[in-house]
Amino acid sequence: MKLPSPPAISRRRLIDNQQELIAAFEEIIRRPDEQEEVLREVAVRCLAA
């Protein structure tokens, strides 16, 4: 039994997610004691878009 493939992610969405990750790592440098919070915020933004 073959499972259906998920829809392809657009190139624009991939670029937006990459920019979110860049911003997250910059934020982690500024707030090293809050890494988990920063990554949680980025995950929510990426998944909500």
PDB file of N, CA and C in Angstrom:
ATOM      1  N   MET A   1       0.841  -1.176   0.000  1.00  0.00           N
ATOM      2  CA  MET A   1       0.000   0.000   0.000  1.00  0.00           C
ATOM      3  C   MET A   1       0.893   1.249   0.000  1.00  0.00           C
ATOM      4  N   LYS A   2       0.689   2.086  -0.965  1.00  0.00           N
ATOM      5  CA  LYS A   2       1.505   3.293  -1.100  1.00  0.00           C
ATOM      6  C   LYS A   2       0.758   4.480  -0.499  1.00  0.00           C
ATOM      7  N   LEU A   3       1.466   5.234   0.350  1.00  0.00           N
ATOM      8  CA  LEU A   3       0.877   6.426   0.952  1.00  0.00           C
ATOM      9  C   LEU A   3       0.979   7.592  -0.027  1.00  0.00           C
ATOM     10  N   PRO A   4      -0.007   8.480  -0.013  1.00  0.00           N
ATOM     11  CA  PRO A   4       0.065   9.636  -0.918  1.00  0.00           C
ATOM     12  C   PRO A   4       1.192  10.575  -0.510  1.00  0.00           C
ATOM     13  N   SER A   5       1.800  11.182  -1.498  1.00  0.00           N
ATOM     14  CA  SER A   5       2.884  12.142  -1.228  1.00  0.00           C
ATOM     15  C   SER A   5       2.296  13.450  -0.721  1.00  0.00           C
ATOM     16  N   PRO A   6       2.988  14.091   0.225  1.00  0.00           N
ATOM     17  CA  PRO A   6       2.502  15.400   0.677  1.00  0.00           C
ATOM     18  C   PRO A   6       2.689  16.423  -0.443  1.00  0.00           C
ATOM     19  N   PRO A   7       1.913  17.495  -0.419  1.00  0.00           N
ATOM     20  CA  PRO A   7       2.079  18.512  -1.468  1.00  0.00           C
ATOM     21  C   PRO A   7       3.471  19.131  -1.390  1.00  0.00           C
ATOM     22  N   ALA A   8       3.991  19.495  -2.534  1.00  0.00           N
ATOM     23  CA  ALA A   8       5.330  20.098  -2.599  1.00  0.00           C
ATOM     24  C   ALA A   8       5.308  21.465  -1.920  1.00  0.00           C
ATOM     25  N   ILE A   9       6.395  21.789  -1.255  1.00  0.00           N
ATOM     26  CA  ILE A   9       6.532  23.093  -0.619  1.00  0.00           C
ATOM     27  C   ILE A   9       7.072  24.052  -1.671  1.00  0.00           C
ATOM     28  N   SER A  10       6.497  25.229  -1.729  1.00  0.00           N
ATOM     29  CA  SER A  10       6.935  26.194  -2.735  1.00  0.00           C
ATOM     30  C   SER A  10       8.343  26.700  -2.431  1.00  0.00           C
ATOM     31  N   ARG A  11       9.026  27.094  -3.464  1.00  0.00           N
ATOM     32  CA  ARG A  11      10.370  27.651  -3.308  1.00  0.00           C
ATOM     33  C   ARG A  11      10.337  28.884  -2.408  1.00  0.00           C
ATOM     34  N   ARG A  12       9.291  29.692  -2.564  1.00  0.00           N
ATOM     35  CA  ARG A  12       9.148  30.897  -1.736  1.00  0.00           C
ATOM     36  C   ARG A  12       9.047  30.523  -0.254  1.00  0.00           C
ATOM     37  N   ARG A  13       8.277  29.473   0.058  1.00  0.00           N
ATOM     38  CA  ARG A  13       8.113  29.037   1.454  1.00  0.00           C
ATOM     39  C   ARG A  13       9.443  28.531   2.016  1.00  0.00           C
ATOM     40  N   LEU A  14      10.212  27.821   1.196  1.00  0.00           N
ATOM     41  CA  LEU A  14      11.528  27.339   1.632  1.00  0.00           C
ATOM     42  C   LEU A  14      12.461  28.505   1.931  1.00  0.00           C
ATOM     43  N   ILE A  15      12.445  29.516   1.086  1.00  0.00           N
ATOM     44  CA  ILE A  15      13.283  30.697   1.298  1.00  0.00           C
ATOM     45  C   ILE A  15      12.843  31.436   2.556  1.00  0.00           C
ATOM     46  N   ASP A  16      11.534  31.584   2.740  1.00  0.00           N
ATOM     47  CA  ASP A  16      11.027  32.250   3.947  1.00  0.00           C
ATOM     48  C   ASP A  16      11.459  31.501   5.207  1.00  0.00           C
ATOM     49  N   ASN A  17      11.370  30.175   5.187  1.00  0.00           N
ATOM     50  CA  ASN A  17      11.787  29.385   6.344  1.00  0.00           C
ATOM     51  C   ASN A  17      13.288  29.538   6.596  1.00  0.00           C
ATOM     52  N   GLN A  18      14.073  29.568   5.539  1.00  0.00           N
ATOM     53  CA  GLN A  18      15.518  29.742   5.691  1.00  0.00           C
ATOM     54  C   GLN A  18      15.827  31.102   6.319  1.00  0.00           C
ATOM     55  N   GLN A  19      15.114  32.139   5.895  1.00  0.00           N
ATOM     56  CA  GLN A  19      15.320  33.462   6.480  1.00  0.00           C
ATOM     57  C   GLN A  19      14.912  33.484   7.949  1.00  0.00           C
ATOM     58  N   GLU A  20      13.848  32.756   8.295  1.00  0.00           N
ATOM     59  CA  GLU A  20      13.435  32.654   9.702  1.00  0.00           C
ATOM     60  C   GLU A  20      14.528  31.976  10.529  1.00  0.00           C
ATOM     61  N   LEU A  21      15.150  30.942   9.982  1.00  0.00           N
ATOM     62  CA  LEU A  21      16.217  30.249  10.711  1.00  0.00           C
ATOM     63  C   LEU A  21      17.442  31.137  10.892  1.00  0.00           C
ATOM     64  N   ILE A  22      17.772  31.909   9.885  1.00  0.00           N
ATOM     65  CA  ILE A  22      18.896  32.851   9.999  1.00  0.00           C
ATOM     66  C   ILE A  22      18.612  33.848  11.116  1.00  0.00           C
ATOM     67  N   ALA A  23      17.408  34.400  11.116  1.00  0.00           N
ATOM     68  CA  ALA A  23      17.040  35.368  12.156  1.00  0.00           C
ATOM     69  C   ALA A  23      17.060  34.710  13.532  1.00  0.00           C
ATOM     70  N   ALA A  24      16.633  33.449  13.606  1.00  0.00           N
ATOM     71  CA  ALA A  24      16.626  32.736  14.889  1.00  0.00           C
ATOM     72  C   ALA A  24      18.043  32.563  15.417  1.00  0.00           C
ATOM     73  N   PHE A  25      18.970  32.178  14.571  1.00  0.00           N
ATOM     74  CA  PHE A  25      20.344  31.994  15.032  1.00  0.00           C
ATOM     75  C   PHE A  25      20.971  33.324  15.453  1.00  0.00           C
ATOM     76  N   GLU A  26      20.629  34.395  14.759  1.00  0.00           N
ATOM     77  CA  GLU A  26      21.105  35.715  15.187  1.00  0.00           C
ATOM     78  C   GLU A  26      20.526  36.066  16.552  1.00  0.00           C
ATOM     79  N   GLU A  27      19.265  35.736  16.761  1.00  0.00           N
ATOM     80  CA  GLU A  27      18.608  36.006  18.043  1.00  0.00           C
ATOM     81  C   GLU A  27      19.217  35.156  19.159  1.00  0.00           C
ATOM     82  N   ILE A  28      19.580  33.927  18.853  1.00  0.00           N
ATOM     83  CA  ILE A  28      20.219  33.053  19.849  1.00  0.00           C
ATOM     84  C   ILE A  28      21.567  33.633  20.281  1.00  0.00           C
ATOM     85  N   ILE A  29      22.266  34.246  19.351  1.00  0.00           N
ATOM     86  CA  ILE A  29      23.540  34.874  19.699  1.00  0.00           C
ATOM     87  C   ILE A  29      23.299  36.015  20.689  1.00  0.00           C
ATOM     88  N   ARG A  30      22.205  36.759  20.480  1.00  0.00           N
ATOM     89  CA  ARG A  30      21.889  37.868  21.386  1.00  0.00           C
ATOM     90  C   ARG A  30      21.302  37.380  22.712  1.00  0.00           C
ATOM     91  N   ARG A  31      20.583  36.251  22.678  1.00  0.00           N
ATOM     92  CA  ARG A  31      19.907  35.736  23.878  1.00  0.00           C
ATOM     93  C   ARG A  31      20.294  34.272  24.110  1.00  0.00           C
ATOM     94  N   PRO A  32      21.555  33.993  24.435  1.00  0.00           N
ATOM     95  CA  PRO A  32      22.017  32.598  24.529  1.00  0.00           C
ATOM     96  C   PRO A  32      21.315  31.767  25.605  1.00  0.00           C
ATOM     97  N   ASP A  33      20.767  32.407  26.626  1.00  0.00           N
ATOM     98  CA  ASP A  33      20.092  31.663  27.685  1.00  0.00           C
ATOM     99  C   ASP A  33      18.640  31.332  27.336  1.00  0.00           C
ATOM    100  N   GLU A  34      18.193  31.757  26.161  1.00  0.00           N
ATOM    101  CA  GLU A  34      16.791  31.549  25.767  1.00  0.00           C
ATOM    102  C   GLU A  34      16.687  30.791  24.445  1.00  0.00           C
ATOM    103  N   GLN A  35      17.612  29.890  24.198  1.00  0.00           N
ATOM    104  CA  GLN A  35      17.642  29.155  22.928  1.00  0.00           C
ATOM    105  C   GLN A  35      16.337  28.410  22.660  1.00  0.00           C
ATOM    106  N   GLU A  36      15.848  27.702  23.661  1.00  0.00           N
ATOM    107  CA  GLU A  36      14.636  26.908  23.464  1.00  0.00           C
ATOM    108  C   GLU A  36      13.451  27.795  23.102  1.00  0.00           C
ATOM    109  N   GLU A  37      13.314  28.910  23.784  1.00  0.00           N
ATOM    110  CA  GLU A  37      12.213  29.832  23.499  1.00  0.00           C
ATOM    111  C   GLU A  37      12.317  30.389  22.078  1.00  0.00           C
ATOM    112  N   VAL A  38      13.518  30.782  21.677  1.00  0.00           N
ATOM    113  CA  VAL A  38      13.723  31.334  20.333  1.00  0.00           C
ATOM    114  C   VAL A  38      13.357  30.296  19.273  1.00  0.00           C
ATOM    115  N   LEU A  39      13.821  29.062  19.447  1.00  0.00           N
ATOM    116  CA  LEU A  39      13.527  28.020  18.452  1.00  0.00           C
ATOM    117  C   LEU A  39      12.047  27.642  18.450  1.00  0.00           C
ATOM    118  N   ARG A  40      11.425  27.671  19.601  1.00  0.00           N
ATOM    119  CA  ARG A  40       9.981  27.393  19.663  1.00  0.00           C
ATOM    120  C   ARG A  40       9.210  28.452  18.885  1.00  0.00           C
ATOM    121  N   GLU A  41       9.587  29.720  19.076  1.00  0.00           N
ATOM    122  CA  GLU A  41       8.932  30.820  18.348  1.00  0.00           C
ATOM    123  C   GLU A  41       9.106  30.665  16.840  1.00  0.00           C
ATOM    124  N   VAL A  42      10.295  30.288  16.416  1.00  0.00           N
ATOM    125  CA  VAL A  42      10.562  30.111  14.980  1.00  0.00           C
ATOM    126  C   VAL A  42       9.751  28.948  14.425  1.00  0.00           C
ATOM    127  N   ALA A  43       9.661  27.872  15.175  1.00  0.00           N
ATOM    128  CA  ALA A  43       8.880  26.716  14.724  1.00  0.00           C
ATOM    129  C   ALA A  43       7.412  27.084  14.545  1.00  0.00           C
ATOM    130  N   VAL A  44       6.884  27.829  15.489  1.00  0.00           N
ATOM    131  CA  VAL A  44       5.476  28.253  15.391  1.00  0.00           C
ATOM    132  C   VAL A  44       5.271  29.124  14.164  1.00  0.00           C
ATOM    133  N   ARG A  45       6.193  30.078  13.941  1.00  0.00           N
ATOM    134  CA  ARG A  45       6.045  30.959  12.765  1.00  0.00           C
ATOM    135  C   ARG A  45       6.129  30.165  11.460  1.00  0.00           C
ATOM    136  N   CYS A  46       7.075  29.231  11.392  1.00  0.00           N
ATOM    137  CA  CYS A  46       7.252  28.456  10.155  1.00  0.00           C
ATOM    138  C   CYS A  46       6.071  27.524   9.895  1.00  0.00           C
ATOM    139  N   LEU A  47       5.551  26.917  10.947  1.00  0.00           N
ATOM    140  CA  LEU A  47       4.439  25.987  10.767  1.00  0.00           C
ATOM    141  C   LEU A  47       3.118  26.704  10.525  1.00  0.00           C
ATOM    142  N   ALA A  48       3.001  27.917  11.032  1.00  0.00           N
ATOM    143  CA  ALA A  48       1.753  28.672  10.872  1.00  0.00           C
ATOM    144  C   ALA A  48       1.620  29.275   9.468  1.00  0.00           C
ATOM    145  N   ALA A  49       2.738  29.454   8.795  1.00  0.00           N
ATOM    146  CA  ALA A  49       2.699  30.097   7.473  1.00  0.00           C
ATOM    147  C   ALA A  49       2.227  29.146   6.395  1.00  0.00           C
TER     148      ALA A  49
END
